[in-house]
Amino acid sequence: MPDLTDTQLDELIAVIGLKDPHRGQAIAPCGTQAAYTRHVRCGEPVDDACRAANTEAKRVKGTPTPSRRKPIAHGTLAGYKQHHYRGESPCAECLEANRTYVRNRNRKYATARWTKGGGQ
């Protein structure tokens, strides 16, 4: 098959009715995290520049390390949720804050049911 120019290829794709695989977006150049992802997704060999870009992106944007995390607000409901999010066992102060929150919430709902039911 003869080599086609980009315009001829675009015309051929339009005539056949195929969709543009990139949907009008430019392909990310090698040396970027997007190019690394494309290489892996398409089963292409990954070059060193893309591998380095992916490593750097993961280092900078990855999961926060303990030193970059916000400190836990102990003794609050938010603190209890922070413990839960991190997969830690909540401390005693946070457990008590959660118990107080649940207790007050249940009392509020019980009061609403009681008044709605006519006090029976």
PDB file of N, CA and C in Angstrom:
ATOM      1  N   MET A   1       0.847  -1.168   0.000  1.00  0.00           N
ATOM      2  CA  MET A   1       0.000   0.000   0.000  1.00  0.00           C
ATOM      3  C   MET A   1       0.893   1.232   0.000  1.00  0.00           C
ATOM      4  N   PRO A   2       0.574   2.197  -0.838  1.00  0.00           N
ATOM      5  CA  PRO A   2       1.422   3.392  -0.897  1.00  0.00           C
ATOM      6  C   PRO A   2       1.276   4.224   0.378  1.00  0.00           C
ATOM      7  N   ASP A   3       2.340   4.965   0.688  1.00  0.00           N
ATOM      8  CA  ASP A   3       2.287   5.849   1.856  1.00  0.00           C
ATOM      9  C   ASP A   3       1.340   7.007   1.576  1.00  0.00           C
ATOM     10  N   LEU A   4       0.477   7.297   2.528  1.00  0.00           N
ATOM     11  CA  LEU A   4      -0.501   8.371   2.384  1.00  0.00           C
ATOM     12  C   LEU A   4      -0.070   9.573   3.208  1.00  0.00           C
ATOM     13  N   THR A   5      -0.410  10.740   2.710  1.00  0.00           N
ATOM     14  CA  THR A   5      -0.157  11.946   3.498  1.00  0.00           C
ATOM     15  C   THR A   5      -1.222  12.023   4.585  1.00  0.00           C
ATOM     16  N   ASP A   6      -1.016  12.920   5.527  1.00  0.00           N
ATOM     17  CA  ASP A   6      -1.982  13.067   6.617  1.00  0.00           C
ATOM     18  C   ASP A   6      -3.354  13.477   6.096  1.00  0.00           C
ATOM     19  N   THR A   7      -3.403  14.369   5.130  1.00  0.00           N
ATOM     20  CA  THR A   7      -4.701  14.803   4.584  1.00  0.00           C
ATOM     21  C   THR A   7      -5.393  13.656   3.874  1.00  0.00           C
ATOM     22  N   GLN A   8      -4.640  12.882   3.097  1.00  0.00           N
ATOM     23  CA  GLN A   8      -5.241  11.747   2.403  1.00  0.00           C
ATOM     24  C   GLN A   8      -5.745  10.704   3.400  1.00  0.00           C
ATOM     25  N   LEU A   9      -4.997  10.504   4.462  1.00  0.00           N
ATOM     26  CA  LEU A   9      -5.411   9.560   5.490  1.00  0.00           C
ATOM     27  C   LEU A   9      -6.681  10.041   6.191  1.00  0.00           C
ATOM     28  N   ASP A  10      -6.759  11.342   6.485  1.00  0.00           N
ATOM     29  CA  ASP A  10      -7.960  11.902   7.108  1.00  0.00           C
ATOM     30  C   ASP A  10      -9.168  11.746   6.195  1.00  0.00           C
ATOM     31  N   GLU A  11      -8.981  11.989   4.896  1.00  0.00           N
ATOM     32  CA  GLU A  11     -10.072  11.830   3.942  1.00  0.00           C
ATOM     33  C   GLU A  11     -10.524  10.371   3.865  1.00  0.00           C
ATOM     34  N   LEU A  12      -9.569   9.461   3.849  1.00  0.00           N
ATOM     35  CA  LEU A  12      -9.888   8.040   3.789  1.00  0.00           C
ATOM     36  C   LEU A  12     -10.668   7.599   5.033  1.00  0.00           C
ATOM     37  N   ILE A  13     -10.241   8.066   6.181  1.00  0.00           N
ATOM     38  CA  ILE A  13     -10.940   7.741   7.420  1.00  0.00           C
ATOM     39  C   ILE A  13     -12.364   8.260   7.379  1.00  0.00           C
ATOM     40  N   ALA A  14     -12.561   9.488   6.850  1.00  0.00           N
ATOM     41  CA  ALA A  14     -13.896  10.082   6.768  1.00  0.00           C
ATOM     42  C   ALA A  14     -14.768   9.303   5.780  1.00  0.00           C
ATOM     43  N   VAL A  15     -14.208   8.895   4.644  1.00  0.00           N
ATOM     44  CA  VAL A  15     -14.978   8.178   3.619  1.00  0.00           C
ATOM     45  C   VAL A  15     -15.404   6.803   4.140  1.00  0.00           C
ATOM     46  N   ILE A  16     -14.489   6.109   4.792  1.00  0.00           N
ATOM     47  CA  ILE A  16     -14.799   4.778   5.304  1.00  0.00           C
ATOM     48  C   ILE A  16     -15.777   4.869   6.476  1.00  0.00           C
ATOM     49  N   GLY A  17     -15.748   5.975   7.209  1.00  0.00           N
ATOM     50  CA  GLY A  17     -16.646   6.154   8.347  1.00  0.00           C
ATOM     51  C   GLY A  17     -16.037   5.743   9.660  1.00  0.00           C
ATOM     52  N   LEU A  18     -14.720   5.636   9.699  1.00  0.00           N
ATOM     53  CA  LEU A  18     -14.054   5.297  10.957  1.00  0.00           C
ATOM     54  C   LEU A  18     -13.944   6.533  11.832  1.00  0.00           C
ATOM     55  N   LYS A  19     -13.825   6.313  13.118  1.00  0.00           N
ATOM     56  CA  LYS A  19     -13.636   7.425  14.043  1.00  0.00           C
ATOM     57  C   LYS A  19     -12.144   7.628  14.258  1.00  0.00           C
ATOM     58  N   ASP A  20     -11.782   8.872  14.478  1.00  0.00           N
ATOM     59  CA  ASP A  20     -10.388   9.202  14.767  1.00  0.00           C
ATOM     60  C   ASP A  20     -10.056   8.632  16.144  1.00  0.00           C
ATOM     61  N   PRO A  21      -9.026   7.778  16.257  1.00  0.00           N
ATOM     62  CA  PRO A  21      -8.722   7.167  17.554  1.00  0.00           C
ATOM     63  C   PRO A  21      -8.303   8.175  18.615  1.00  0.00           C
ATOM     64  N   HIS A  22      -7.865   9.344  18.219  1.00  0.00           N
ATOM     65  CA  HIS A  22      -7.409  10.346  19.180  1.00  0.00           C
ATOM     66  C   HIS A  22      -8.435  11.441  19.384  1.00  0.00           C
ATOM     67  N   ARG A  23      -9.553  11.357  18.691  1.00  0.00           N
ATOM     68  CA  ARG A  23     -10.654  12.313  18.828  1.00  0.00           C
ATOM     69  C   ARG A  23     -10.188  13.758  18.707  1.00  0.00           C
ATOM     70  N   GLY A  24      -9.298  14.003  17.798  1.00  0.00           N
ATOM     71  CA  GLY A  24      -8.839  15.361  17.542  1.00  0.00           C
ATOM     72  C   GLY A  24      -7.752  15.838  18.481  1.00  0.00           C
ATOM     73  N   GLN A  25      -7.348  15.015  19.441  1.00  0.00           N
ATOM     74  CA  GLN A  25      -6.316  15.421  20.378  1.00  0.00           C
ATOM     75  C   GLN A  25      -4.951  15.002  19.855  1.00  0.00           C
ATOM     76  N   ALA A  26      -3.978  15.817  20.137  1.00  0.00           N
ATOM     77  CA  ALA A  26      -2.618  15.481  19.733  1.00  0.00           C
ATOM     78  C   ALA A  26      -2.083  14.362  20.620  1.00  0.00           C
ATOM     79  N   ILE A  27      -1.268  13.514  20.043  1.00  0.00           N
ATOM     80  CA  ILE A  27      -0.648  12.432  20.807  1.00  0.00           C
ATOM     81  C   ILE A  27       0.440  13.038  21.685  1.00  0.00           C
ATOM     82  N   ALA A  28       0.471  12.640  22.945  1.00  0.00           N
ATOM     83  CA  ALA A  28       1.468  13.163  23.870  1.00  0.00           C
ATOM     84  C   ALA A  28       2.856  12.730  23.411  1.00  0.00           C
ATOM     85  N   PRO A  29       3.805  13.661  23.422  1.00  0.00           N
ATOM     86  CA  PRO A  29       5.169  13.300  23.002  1.00  0.00           C
ATOM     87  C   PRO A  29       5.854  12.436  24.039  1.00  0.00           C
ATOM     88  N   CYS A  30       6.835  11.665  23.588  1.00  0.00           N
ATOM     89  CA  CYS A  30       7.587  10.822  24.508  1.00  0.00           C
ATOM     90  C   CYS A  30       8.298  11.693  25.537  1.00  0.00           C
ATOM     91  N   GLY A  31       8.433  11.159  26.730  1.00  0.00           N
ATOM     92  CA  GLY A  31       9.045  11.914  27.818  1.00  0.00           C
ATOM     93  C   GLY A  31       7.997  12.507  28.740  1.00  0.00           C
ATOM     94  N   THR A  32       6.732  12.097  28.585  1.00  0.00           N
ATOM     95  CA  THR A  32       5.660  12.565  29.451  1.00  0.00           C
ATOM     96  C   THR A  32       4.959  11.370  30.087  1.00  0.00           C
ATOM     97  N   GLN A  33       4.229  11.636  31.160  1.00  0.00           N
ATOM     98  CA  GLN A  33       3.508  10.553  31.827  1.00  0.00           C
ATOM     99  C   GLN A  33       2.395  10.023  30.934  1.00  0.00           C
ATOM    100  N   ALA A  34       1.757  10.903  30.152  1.00  0.00           N
ATOM    101  CA  ALA A  34       0.693  10.473  29.247  1.00  0.00           C
ATOM    102  C   ALA A  34       1.243   9.505  28.190  1.00  0.00           C
ATOM    103  N   ALA A  35       2.442   9.785  27.694  1.00  0.00           N
ATOM    104  CA  ALA A  35       3.060   8.895  26.707  1.00  0.00           C
ATOM    105  C   ALA A  35       3.394   7.547  27.346  1.00  0.00           C
ATOM    106  N   TYR A  36       3.850   7.574  28.597  1.00  0.00           N
ATOM    107  CA  TYR A  36       4.133   6.327  29.306  1.00  0.00           C
ATOM    108  C   TYR A  36       2.866   5.485  29.406  1.00  0.00           C
ATOM    109  N   THR A  37       1.754   6.121  29.787  1.00  0.00           N
ATOM    110  CA  THR A  37       0.478   5.425  29.904  1.00  0.00           C
ATOM    111  C   THR A  37       0.053   4.851  28.558  1.00  0.00           C
ATOM    112  N   ARG A  38       0.234   5.631  27.504  1.00  0.00           N
ATOM    113  CA  ARG A  38      -0.115   5.154  26.163  1.00  0.00           C
ATOM    114  C   ARG A  38       0.718   3.934  25.785  1.00  0.00           C
ATOM    115  N   HIS A  39       2.022   3.977  26.067  1.00  0.00           N
ATOM    116  CA  HIS A  39       2.897   2.841  25.748  1.00  0.00           C
ATOM    117  C   HIS A  39       2.396   1.576  26.459  1.00  0.00           C
ATOM    118  N   VAL A  40       2.085   1.703  27.745  1.00  0.00           N
ATOM    119  CA  VAL A  40       1.647   0.543  28.522  1.00  0.00           C
ATOM    120  C   VAL A  40       0.299   0.043  28.004  1.00  0.00           C
ATOM    121  N   ARG A  41      -0.627   0.966  27.752  1.00  0.00           N
ATOM    122  CA  ARG A  41      -1.967   0.587  27.303  1.00  0.00           C
ATOM    123  C   ARG A  41      -1.936  -0.110  25.946  1.00  0.00           C
ATOM    124  N   CYS A  42      -1.087   0.360  25.041  1.00  0.00           N
ATOM    125  CA  CYS A  42      -1.027  -0.193  23.682  1.00  0.00           C
ATOM    126  C   CYS A  42      -0.039  -1.354  23.572  1.00  0.00           C
ATOM    127  N   GLY A  43       0.645  -1.682  24.644  1.00  0.00           N
ATOM    128  CA  GLY A  43       1.597  -2.783  24.603  1.00  0.00           C
ATOM    129  C   GLY A  43       2.881  -2.440  23.864  1.00  0.00           C
ATOM    130  N   GLU A  44       3.188  -1.155  23.803  1.00  0.00           N
ATOM    131  CA  GLU A  44       4.410  -0.707  23.121  1.00  0.00           C
ATOM    132  C   GLU A  44       5.576  -0.748  24.105  1.00  0.00           C
ATOM    133  N   PRO A  45       6.799  -0.847  23.591  1.00  0.00           N
ATOM    134  CA  PRO A  45       7.951  -0.786  24.501  1.00  0.00           C
ATOM    135  C   PRO A  45       8.078   0.619  25.094  1.00  0.00           C
ATOM    136  N   VAL A  46       8.371   0.691  26.379  1.00  0.00           N
ATOM    137  CA  VAL A  46       8.478   1.972  27.080  1.00  0.00           C
ATOM    138  C   VAL A  46       9.920   2.446  27.020  1.00  0.00           C
ATOM    139  N   ASP A  47      10.115   3.682  26.545  1.00  0.00           N
ATOM    140  CA  ASP A  47      11.476   4.218  26.457  1.00  0.00           C
ATOM    141  C   ASP A  47      11.875   4.834  27.796  1.00  0.00           C
ATOM    142  N   ASP A  48      13.157   5.136  27.937  1.00  0.00           N
ATOM    143  CA  ASP A  48      13.694   5.636  29.207  1.00  0.00           C
ATOM    144  C   ASP A  48      13.122   6.996  29.587  1.00  0.00           C
ATOM    145  N   ALA A  49      12.897   7.862  28.601  1.00  0.00           N
ATOM    146  CA  ALA A  49      12.373   9.200  28.895  1.00  0.00           C
ATOM    147  C   ALA A  49      10.966   9.114  29.488  1.00  0.00           C
ATOM    148  N   CYS A  50      10.131   8.257  28.925  1.00  0.00           N
ATOM    149  CA  CYS A  50       8.761   8.092  29.440  1.00  0.00           C
ATOM    150  C   CYS A  50       8.781   7.453  30.818  1.00  0.00           C
ATOM    151  N   ARG A  51       9.656   6.474  31.014  1.00  0.00           N
ATOM    152  CA  ARG A  51       9.759   5.812  32.310  1.00  0.00           C
ATOM    153  C   ARG A  51      10.195   6.815  33.382  1.00  0.00           C
ATOM    154  N   ALA A  52      11.148   7.676  33.055  1.00  0.00           N
ATOM    155  CA  ALA A  52      11.618   8.695  34.009  1.00  0.00           C
ATOM    156  C   ALA A  52      10.512   9.710  34.304  1.00  0.00           C
ATOM    157  N   ALA A  53       9.749  10.104  33.272  1.00  0.00           N
ATOM    158  CA  ALA A  53       8.660  11.055  33.477  1.00  0.00           C
ATOM    159  C   ALA A  53       7.581  10.461  34.373  1.00  0.00           C
ATOM    160  N   ASN A  54       7.270   9.195  34.189  1.00  0.00           N
ATOM    161  CA  ASN A  54       6.264   8.541  35.026  1.00  0.00           C
ATOM    162  C   ASN A  54       6.742   8.432  36.469  1.00  0.00           C
ATOM    163  N   THR A  55       8.006   8.079  36.660  1.00  0.00           N
ATOM    164  CA  THR A  55       8.563   7.966  38.000  1.00  0.00           C
ATOM    165  C   THR A  55       8.517   9.307  38.717  1.00  0.00           C
ATOM    166  N   GLU A  56       8.887  10.365  38.023  1.00  0.00           N
ATOM    167  CA  GLU A  56       8.871  11.704  38.612  1.00  0.00           C
ATOM    168  C   GLU A  56       7.448  12.137  38.946  1.00  0.00           C
ATOM    169  N   ALA A  57       6.505  11.872  38.053  1.00  0.00           N
ATOM    170  CA  ALA A  57       5.112  12.249  38.298  1.00  0.00           C
ATOM    171  C   ALA A  57       4.559  11.515  39.510  1.00  0.00           C
ATOM    172  N   LYS A  58       4.883  10.238  39.641  1.00  0.00           N
ATOM    173  CA  LYS A  58       4.418   9.471  40.793  1.00  0.00           C
ATOM    174  C   LYS A  58       5.055   9.981  42.080  1.00  0.00           C
ATOM    175  N   ARG A  59       6.317  10.396  41.994  1.00  0.00           N
ATOM    176  CA  ARG A  59       7.011  10.897  43.184  1.00  0.00           C
ATOM    177  C   ARG A  59       6.382  12.202  43.652  1.00  0.00           C
ATOM    178  N   VAL A  60       6.055  13.080  42.702  1.00  0.00           N
ATOM    179  CA  VAL A  60       5.536  14.400  43.046  1.00  0.00           C
ATOM    180  C   VAL A  60       4.057  14.352  43.396  1.00  0.00           C
ATOM    181  N   LYS A  61       3.255  13.615  42.595  1.00  0.00           N
ATOM    182  CA  LYS A  61       1.810  13.642  42.748  1.00  0.00           C
ATOM    183  C   LYS A  61       1.245  12.441  43.472  1.00  0.00           C
ATOM    184  N   GLY A  62       2.077  11.507  43.871  1.00  0.00           N
ATOM    185  CA  GLY A  62       1.582  10.248  44.417  1.00  0.00           C
ATOM    186  C   GLY A  62       0.911  10.385  45.767  1.00  0.00           C
ATOM    187  N   THR A  63       0.685   9.269  46.388  1.00  0.00           N
ATOM    188  CA  THR A  63       0.058   9.215  47.698  1.00  0.00           C
ATOM    189  C   THR A  63       0.895  10.013  48.688  1.00  0.00           C
ATOM    190  N   PRO A  64       0.253  10.866  49.466  1.00  0.00           N
ATOM    191  CA  PRO A  64       1.033  11.659  50.408  1.00  0.00           C
ATOM    192  C   PRO A  64       1.765  10.780  51.417  1.00  0.00           C
ATOM    193  N   THR A  65       2.975  11.118  51.664  1.00  0.00           N
ATOM    194  CA  THR A  65       3.739  10.402  52.676  1.00  0.00           C
ATOM    195  C   THR A  65       3.307  10.929  54.040  1.00  0.00           C
ATOM    196  N   PRO A  66       3.575  10.208  55.113  1.00  0.00           N
ATOM    197  CA  PRO A  66       3.143  10.679  56.424  1.00  0.00           C
ATOM    198  C   PRO A  66       3.611  12.093  56.746  1.00  0.00           C
ATOM    199  N   SER A  67       4.761  12.508  56.232  1.00  0.00           N
ATOM    200  CA  SER A  67       5.260  13.845  56.532  1.00  0.00           C
ATOM    201  C   SER A  67       4.461  14.926  55.805  1.00  0.00           C
ATOM    202  N   ARG A  68       3.762  14.572  54.704  1.00  0.00           N
ATOM    203  CA  ARG A  68       2.996  15.558  53.943  1.00  0.00           C
ATOM    204  C   ARG A  68       1.516  15.565  54.323  1.00  0.00           C
ATOM    205  N   ARG A  69       1.092  14.667  55.193  1.00  0.00           N
ATOM    206  CA  ARG A  69      -0.302  14.614  55.603  1.00  0.00           C
ATOM    207  C   ARG A  69      -0.607  15.701  56.622  1.00  0.00           C
ATOM    208  N   LYS A  70      -1.864  16.141  56.621  1.00  0.00           N
ATOM    209  CA  LYS A  70      -2.288  17.106  57.622  1.00  0.00           C
ATOM    210  C   LYS A  70      -2.393  16.392  58.960  1.00  0.00           C
ATOM    211  N   PRO A  71      -2.109  17.096  60.037  1.00  0.00           N
ATOM    212  CA  PRO A  71      -2.238  16.448  61.344  1.00  0.00           C
ATOM    213  C   PRO A  71      -3.701  16.167  61.656  1.00  0.00           C
ATOM    214  N   ILE A  72      -3.937  15.123  62.421  1.00  0.00           N
ATOM    215  CA  ILE A  72      -5.303  14.724  62.772  1.00  0.00           C
ATOM    216  C   ILE A  72      -5.835  15.646  63.869  1.00  0.00           C
ATOM    217  N   ALA A  73      -7.086  16.080  63.676  1.00  0.00           N
ATOM    218  CA  ALA A  73      -7.755  16.920  64.674  1.00  0.00           C
ATOM    219  C   ALA A  73      -8.368  15.987  65.716  1.00  0.00           C
ATOM    220  N   HIS A  74      -7.589  15.593  66.711  1.00  0.00           N
ATOM    221  CA  HIS A  74      -8.028  14.621  67.711  1.00  0.00           C
ATOM    222  C   HIS A  74      -9.185  15.177  68.538  1.00  0.00           C
ATOM    223  N   GLY A  75     -10.106  14.289  68.908  1.00  0.00           N
ATOM    224  CA  GLY A  75     -11.234  14.670  69.748  1.00  0.00           C
ATOM    225  C   GLY A  75     -12.390  15.262  68.969  1.00  0.00           C
ATOM    226  N   THR A  76     -12.387  15.122  67.645  1.00  0.00           N
ATOM    227  CA  THR A  76     -13.475  15.646  66.819  1.00  0.00           C
ATOM    228  C   THR A  76     -13.975  14.543  65.892  1.00  0.00           C
ATOM    229  N   LEU A  77     -15.158  14.778  65.314  1.00  0.00           N
ATOM    230  CA  LEU A  77     -15.690  13.820  64.346  1.00  0.00           C
ATOM    231  C   LEU A  77     -14.776  13.765  63.118  1.00  0.00           C
ATOM    232  N   ALA A  78     -14.252  14.917  62.718  1.00  0.00           N
ATOM    233  CA  ALA A  78     -13.325  14.947  61.580  1.00  0.00           C
ATOM    234  C   ALA A  78     -12.074  14.122  61.889  1.00  0.00           C
ATOM    235  N   GLY A  79     -11.598  14.188  63.124  1.00  0.00           N
ATOM    236  CA  GLY A  79     -10.443  13.391  63.522  1.00  0.00           C
ATOM    237  C   GLY A  79     -10.738  11.900  63.430  1.00  0.00           C
ATOM    238  N   TYR A  80     -11.943  11.504  63.864  1.00  0.00           N
ATOM    239  CA  TYR A  80     -12.348  10.101  63.763  1.00  0.00           C
ATOM    240  C   TYR A  80     -12.331   9.652  62.307  1.00  0.00           C
ATOM    241  N   LYS A  81     -12.864  10.496  61.419  1.00  0.00           N
ATOM    242  CA  LYS A  81     -12.905  10.159  59.992  1.00  0.00           C
ATOM    243  C   LYS A  81     -11.509  10.117  59.388  1.00  0.00           C
ATOM    244  N   GLN A  82     -10.609  10.987  59.867  1.00  0.00           N
ATOM    245  CA  GLN A  82      -9.230  10.965  59.370  1.00  0.00           C
ATOM    246  C   GLN A  82      -8.544   9.648  59.754  1.00  0.00           C
ATOM    247  N   HIS A  83      -8.761   9.205  60.980  1.00  0.00           N
ATOM    248  CA  HIS A  83      -8.206   7.912  61.398  1.00  0.00           C
ATOM    249  C   HIS A  83      -8.733   6.808  60.479  1.00  0.00           C
ATOM    250  N   HIS A  84     -10.047   6.810  60.259  1.00  0.00           N
ATOM    251  CA  HIS A  84     -10.680   5.771  59.436  1.00  0.00           C
ATOM    252  C   HIS A  84     -10.134   5.802  58.010  1.00  0.00           C
ATOM    253  N   TYR A  85      -9.982   7.000  57.435  1.00  0.00           N
ATOM    254  CA  TYR A  85      -9.478   7.144  56.070  1.00  0.00           C
ATOM    255  C   TYR A  85      -8.059   6.598  55.946  1.00  0.00           C
ATOM    256  N   ARG A  86      -7.250   6.809  56.954  1.00  0.00           N
ATOM    257  CA  ARG A  86      -5.859   6.351  56.918  1.00  0.00           C
ATOM    258  C   ARG A  86      -5.717   4.879  57.279  1.00  0.00           C
ATOM    259  N   GLY A  87      -6.814   4.241  57.674  1.00  0.00           N
ATOM    260  CA  GLY A  87      -6.756   2.828  58.025  1.00  0.00           C
ATOM    261  C   GLY A  87      -6.181   2.593  59.409  1.00  0.00           C
ATOM    262  N   GLU A  88      -6.223   3.616  60.255  1.00  0.00           N
ATOM    263  CA  GLU A  88      -5.688   3.503  61.609  1.00  0.00           C
ATOM    264  C   GLU A  88      -6.819   3.222  62.584  1.00  0.00           C
ATOM    265  N   SER A  89      -6.477   2.732  63.749  1.00  0.00           N
ATOM    266  CA  SER A  89      -7.450   2.610  64.833  1.00  0.00           C
ATOM    267  C   SER A  89      -7.605   3.991  65.459  1.00  0.00           C
ATOM    268  N   PRO A  90      -8.852   4.460  65.634  1.00  0.00           N
ATOM    269  CA  PRO A  90      -9.027   5.799  66.203  1.00  0.00           C
ATOM    270  C   PRO A  90      -8.592   5.854  67.668  1.00  0.00           C
ATOM    271  N   CYS A  91      -8.103   7.006  68.069  1.00  0.00           N
ATOM    272  CA  CYS A  91      -7.692   7.186  69.460  1.00  0.00           C
ATOM    273  C   CYS A  91      -8.940   7.325  70.340  1.00  0.00           C
ATOM    274  N   ALA A  92      -8.752   7.319  71.637  1.00  0.00           N
ATOM    275  CA  ALA A  92      -9.874   7.358  72.587  1.00  0.00           C
ATOM    276  C   ALA A  92     -10.683   8.648  72.439  1.00  0.00           C
ATOM    277  N   GLU A  93      -9.994   9.792  72.240  1.00  0.00           N
ATOM    278  CA  GLU A  93     -10.699  11.071  72.113  1.00  0.00           C
ATOM    279  C   GLU A  93     -11.587  11.089  70.871  1.00  0.00           C
ATOM    280  N   CYS A  94     -11.074  10.566  69.770  1.00  0.00           N
ATOM    281  CA  CYS A  94     -11.844  10.542  68.523  1.00  0.00           C
ATOM    282  C   CYS A  94     -13.003   9.549  68.614  1.00  0.00           C
ATOM    283  N   LEU A  95     -12.779   8.422  69.263  1.00  0.00           N
ATOM    284  CA  LEU A  95     -13.866   7.461  69.474  1.00  0.00           C
ATOM    285  C   LEU A  95     -14.998   8.089  70.276  1.00  0.00           C
ATOM    286  N   GLU A  96     -14.645   8.821  71.320  1.00  0.00           N
ATOM    287  CA  GLU A  96     -15.663   9.476  72.148  1.00  0.00           C
ATOM    288  C   GLU A  96     -16.400  10.550  71.353  1.00  0.00           C
ATOM    289  N   ALA A  97     -15.693  11.282  70.514  1.00  0.00           N
ATOM    290  CA  ALA A  97     -16.343  12.299  69.683  1.00  0.00           C
ATOM    291  C   ALA A  97     -17.331  11.653  68.715  1.00  0.00           C
ATOM    292  N   ASN A  98     -16.974  10.519  68.140  1.00  0.00           N
ATOM    293  CA  ASN A  98     -17.883   9.813  67.240  1.00  0.00           C
ATOM    294  C   ASN A  98     -19.096   9.276  67.996  1.00  0.00           C
ATOM    295  N   ARG A  99     -18.867   8.722  69.184  1.00  0.00           N
ATOM    296  CA  ARG A  99     -19.987   8.217  69.986  1.00  0.00           C
ATOM    297  C   ARG A  99     -20.966   9.333  70.342  1.00  0.00           C
ATOM    298  N   THR A 100     -20.424  10.485  70.699  1.00  0.00           N
ATOM    299  CA  THR A 100     -21.275  11.636  71.037  1.00  0.00           C
ATOM    300  C   THR A 100     -22.085  12.080  69.827  1.00  0.00           C
ATOM    301  N   TYR A 101     -21.433  12.118  68.680  1.00  0.00           N
ATOM    302  CA  TYR A 101     -22.136  12.517  67.455  1.00  0.00           C
ATOM    303  C   TYR A 101     -23.279  11.552  67.141  1.00  0.00           C
ATOM    304  N   VAL A 102     -23.013  10.258  67.193  1.00  0.00           N
ATOM    305  CA  VAL A 102     -24.034   9.253  66.875  1.00  0.00           C
ATOM    306  C   VAL A 102     -25.164   9.309  67.906  1.00  0.00           C
ATOM    307  N   ARG A 103     -24.816   9.470  69.169  1.00  0.00           N
ATOM    308  CA  ARG A 103     -25.822   9.541  70.223  1.00  0.00           C
ATOM    309  C   ARG A 103     -26.754  10.737  69.993  1.00  0.00           C
ATOM    310  N   ASN A 104     -26.180  11.905  69.706  1.00  0.00           N
ATOM    311  CA  ASN A 104     -26.992  13.109  69.469  1.00  0.00           C
ATOM    312  C   ASN A 104     -27.840  12.964  68.209  1.00  0.00           C
ATOM    313  N   ARG A 105     -27.273  12.355  67.183  1.00  0.00           N
ATOM    314  CA  ARG A 105     -28.025  12.158  65.946  1.00  0.00           C
ATOM    315  C   ARG A 105     -29.216  11.237  66.180  1.00  0.00           C
ATOM    316  N   ASN A 106     -29.002  10.155  66.899  1.00  0.00           N
ATOM    317  CA  ASN A 106     -30.090   9.216  67.188  1.00  0.00           C
ATOM    318  C   ASN A 106     -31.170   9.864  68.048  1.00  0.00           C
ATOM    319  N   ARG A 107     -30.760  10.684  69.023  1.00  0.00           N
ATOM    320  CA  ARG A 107     -31.748  11.393  69.848  1.00  0.00           C
ATOM    321  C   ARG A 107     -32.576  12.346  68.997  1.00  0.00           C
ATOM    322  N   LYS A 108     -31.922  13.033  68.066  1.00  0.00           N
ATOM    323  CA  LYS A 108     -32.631  13.968  67.198  1.00  0.00           C
ATOM    324  C   LYS A 108     -33.667  13.233  66.350  1.00  0.00           C
ATOM    325  N   TYR A 109     -33.294  12.108  65.778  1.00  0.00           N
ATOM    326  CA  TYR A 109     -34.233  11.333  64.957  1.00  0.00           C
ATOM    327  C   TYR A 109     -35.361  10.746  65.804  1.00  0.00           C
ATOM    328  N   ALA A 110     -35.037  10.296  67.020  1.00  0.00           N
ATOM    329  CA  ALA A 110     -36.064   9.740  67.896  1.00  0.00           C
ATOM    330  C   ALA A 110     -37.061  10.822  68.293  1.00  0.00           C
ATOM    331  N   THR A 111     -36.570  12.021  68.568  1.00  0.00           N
ATOM    332  CA  THR A 111     -37.453  13.132  68.905  1.00  0.00           C
ATOM    333  C   THR A 111     -38.363  13.474  67.733  1.00  0.00           C
ATOM    334  N   ALA A 112     -37.793  13.469  66.532  1.00  0.00           N
ATOM    335  CA  ALA A 112     -38.594  13.766  65.341  1.00  0.00           C
ATOM    336  C   ALA A 112     -39.665  12.698  65.131  1.00  0.00           C
ATOM    337  N   ARG A 113     -39.331  11.436  65.350  1.00  0.00           N
ATOM    338  CA  ARG A 113     -40.321  10.359  65.219  1.00  0.00           C
ATOM    339  C   ARG A 113     -41.409  10.494  66.286  1.00  0.00           C
ATOM    340  N   TRP A 114     -40.999  10.838  67.485  1.00  0.00           N
ATOM    341  CA  TRP A 114     -41.929  10.945  68.598  1.00  0.00           C
ATOM    342  C   TRP A 114     -42.936  12.067  68.346  1.00  0.00           C
ATOM    343  N   THR A 115     -42.444  13.224  67.922  1.00  0.00           N
ATOM    344  CA  THR A 115     -43.357  14.354  67.678  1.00  0.00           C
ATOM    345  C   THR A 115     -44.211  14.108  66.439  1.00  0.00           C
ATOM    346  N   LYS A 116     -43.696  13.421  65.447  1.00  0.00           N
ATOM    347  CA  LYS A 116     -44.463  13.128  64.247  1.00  0.00           C
ATOM    348  C   LYS A 116     -45.573  12.127  64.548  1.00  0.00           C
ATOM    349  N   GLY A 117     -45.312  11.192  65.435  1.00  0.00           N
ATOM    350  CA  GLY A 117     -46.274  10.160  65.776  1.00  0.00           C
ATOM    351  C   GLY A 117     -47.311  10.630  66.788  1.00  0.00           C
ATOM    352  N   GLY A 118     -47.269  11.879  67.210  1.00  0.00           N
ATOM    353  CA  GLY A 118     -48.248  12.405  68.136  1.00  0.00           C
ATOM    354  C   GLY A 118     -47.933  12.093  69.587  1.00  0.00           C
ATOM    355  N   GLY A 119     -46.679  11.746  69.867  1.00  0.00           N
ATOM    356  CA  GLY A 119     -46.278  11.517  71.249  1.00  0.00           C
ATOM    357  C   GLY A 119     -46.699  10.186  71.823  1.00  0.00           C
ATOM    358  N   GLN A 120     -46.975   9.235  70.986  1.00  0.00           N
ATOM    359  CA  GLN A 120     -47.430   7.930  71.467  1.00  0.00           C
ATOM    360  C   GLN A 120     -46.306   6.978  71.694  1.00  0.00           C
TER     361      GLN A 120
END
